[in-house]
Amino acid sequence: MHILFYSFMTGFGVFMFTSVVVWLFRIQRYIALHGERSACVAFNGAIWRDYRKARRIADKAGHKPAFLVLFERTALMAVSFFIAAVLTFLIEGLR
């Protein structure tokens, strides 16, 4: 149980770190280049607010940058790994 749980948590950490890096270096810059303010700290859902803001800007421009696709995929994988870790912990705890 421990190895599987820690593997899922490691996957969560890796994908969450990757999505934060994409947010930090690409999404914030994209928002600033289009004249809007982005969040400066990654607390309180700022990453998701900035993602929605960047998505709105991209929709108005009629394109979808590759870094938004990368952010969506890495964030989805992070959430998937977290859910798998929680389920593994709960199922093994019932044994």
Protein backbone atom coordinates (compact mmCIF):
# COMPACT_ATOMS: atom_id res chain seq x y z
CA MET A 1 0.00 0.00 0.00
CA HIS A 2 2.72 2.42 0.92
CA ILE A 3 4.60 2.14 -2.35
CA LEU A 4 1.45 2.64 -4.44
CA PHE A 5 0.23 5.55 -2.31
CA TYR A 6 3.62 7.27 -2.42
CA SER A 7 3.87 6.67 -6.16
CA PHE A 8 0.55 8.40 -6.71
CA MET A 9 1.55 11.27 -4.43
CA THR A 10 4.85 11.62 -6.30
CA GLY A 11 2.94 11.78 -9.58
CA PHE A 12 0.66 14.41 -8.08
CA GLY A 13 3.67 16.46 -6.98
CA VAL A 14 5.40 16.23 -10.34
CA PHE A 15 2.35 17.25 -12.36
CA MET A 16 1.37 19.99 -9.90
CA PHE A 17 4.91 21.39 -10.03
CA THR A 18 4.79 21.33 -13.83
CA SER A 19 1.47 23.16 -13.96
CA VAL A 20 2.75 25.80 -11.52
CA VAL A 21 5.85 26.30 -13.68
CA VAL A 22 3.67 26.75 -16.79
CA TRP A 23 1.53 29.24 -14.88
CA LEU A 24 4.55 31.10 -13.53
CA PHE A 25 6.47 31.48 -16.78
CA ARG A 26 3.83 31.47 -19.50
CA ILE A 27 0.33 32.27 -18.28
CA GLN A 28 1.30 35.24 -16.12
CA ARG A 29 3.39 36.67 -18.93
CA TYR A 30 0.58 36.11 -21.46
CA ILE A 31 -1.87 37.99 -19.24
CA ALA A 32 0.58 40.85 -18.68
CA LEU A 33 1.29 41.16 -22.41
CA HIS A 34 -2.43 41.64 -23.02
CA GLY A 35 -2.67 44.48 -20.52
CA GLU A 36 -4.34 42.69 -17.64
CA ARG A 37 -3.14 42.08 -14.10
CA SER A 38 -2.24 38.60 -13.00
CA ALA A 39 -1.97 37.22 -9.50
CA CYS A 40 1.49 37.36 -8.01
CA VAL A 41 1.09 34.60 -5.44
CA ALA A 42 -0.05 31.02 -5.98
CA PHE A 43 -2.47 30.97 -3.05
CA ASN A 44 -6.23 31.25 -2.83
CA GLY A 45 -6.97 29.90 -6.28
CA ALA A 46 -4.89 32.51 -8.07
CA ILE A 47 -3.59 29.94 -10.54
CA TRP A 48 -7.12 29.03 -11.61
CA ARG A 49 -8.24 32.67 -11.84
CA ASP A 50 -5.26 33.45 -14.05
CA TYR A 51 -5.97 30.38 -16.18
CA ARG A 52 -9.57 31.49 -16.70
CA LYS A 53 -8.40 35.02 -17.51
CA ALA A 54 -5.85 33.71 -20.05
CA ARG A 55 -8.49 31.40 -21.52
CA ARG A 56 -10.88 34.34 -21.92
CA ILE A 57 -8.16 36.40 -23.64
CA ALA A 58 -7.36 33.50 -25.98
CA ASP A 59 -11.04 32.97 -26.80
CA LYS A 60 -11.44 36.64 -27.70
CA ALA A 61 -8.38 36.40 -29.95
CA GLY A 62 -9.72 33.20 -31.52
CA HIS A 63 -6.78 30.93 -30.79
CA LYS A 64 -5.60 28.52 -28.12
CA PRO A 65 -1.92 28.73 -27.17
CA ALA A 66 -0.03 25.50 -26.60
CA PHE A 67 0.87 26.44 -23.04
CA LEU A 68 -2.83 26.60 -22.10
CA VAL A 69 -3.29 23.07 -23.42
CA LEU A 70 -0.20 21.97 -21.48
CA PHE A 71 -1.53 23.59 -18.31
CA GLU A 72 -4.93 21.92 -18.72
CA ARG A 73 -3.38 18.50 -19.20
CA THR A 74 -0.88 18.75 -16.36
CA ALA A 75 -3.49 20.09 -13.93
CA LEU A 76 -5.88 17.29 -14.92
CA MET A 77 -3.15 14.69 -14.39
CA ALA A 78 -2.31 16.19 -10.98
CA VAL A 79 -5.95 15.99 -9.89
CA SER A 80 -6.19 12.42 -11.22
CA PHE A 81 -3.12 11.31 -9.29
CA PHE A 82 -4.43 12.96 -6.13
CA ILE A 83 -7.79 11.21 -6.42
CA ALA A 84 -6.03 7.89 -7.06
CA ALA A 85 -3.85 8.42 -3.97
CA VAL A 86 -6.85 9.21 -1.77
CA LEU A 87 -8.76 6.18 -3.07
CA THR A 88 -5.74 3.94 -2.51
CA PHE A 89 -5.38 5.25 1.03
CA LEU A 90 -9.09 4.70 1.78
CA ILE A 91 -9.27 1.24 0.24
CA GLU A 92 -6.13 0.01 1.98
CA GLY A 93 -7.33 1.54 5.24
CA LEU A 94 -10.44 -0.63 5.15
CA ARG A 95 -8.44 -3.86 4.99
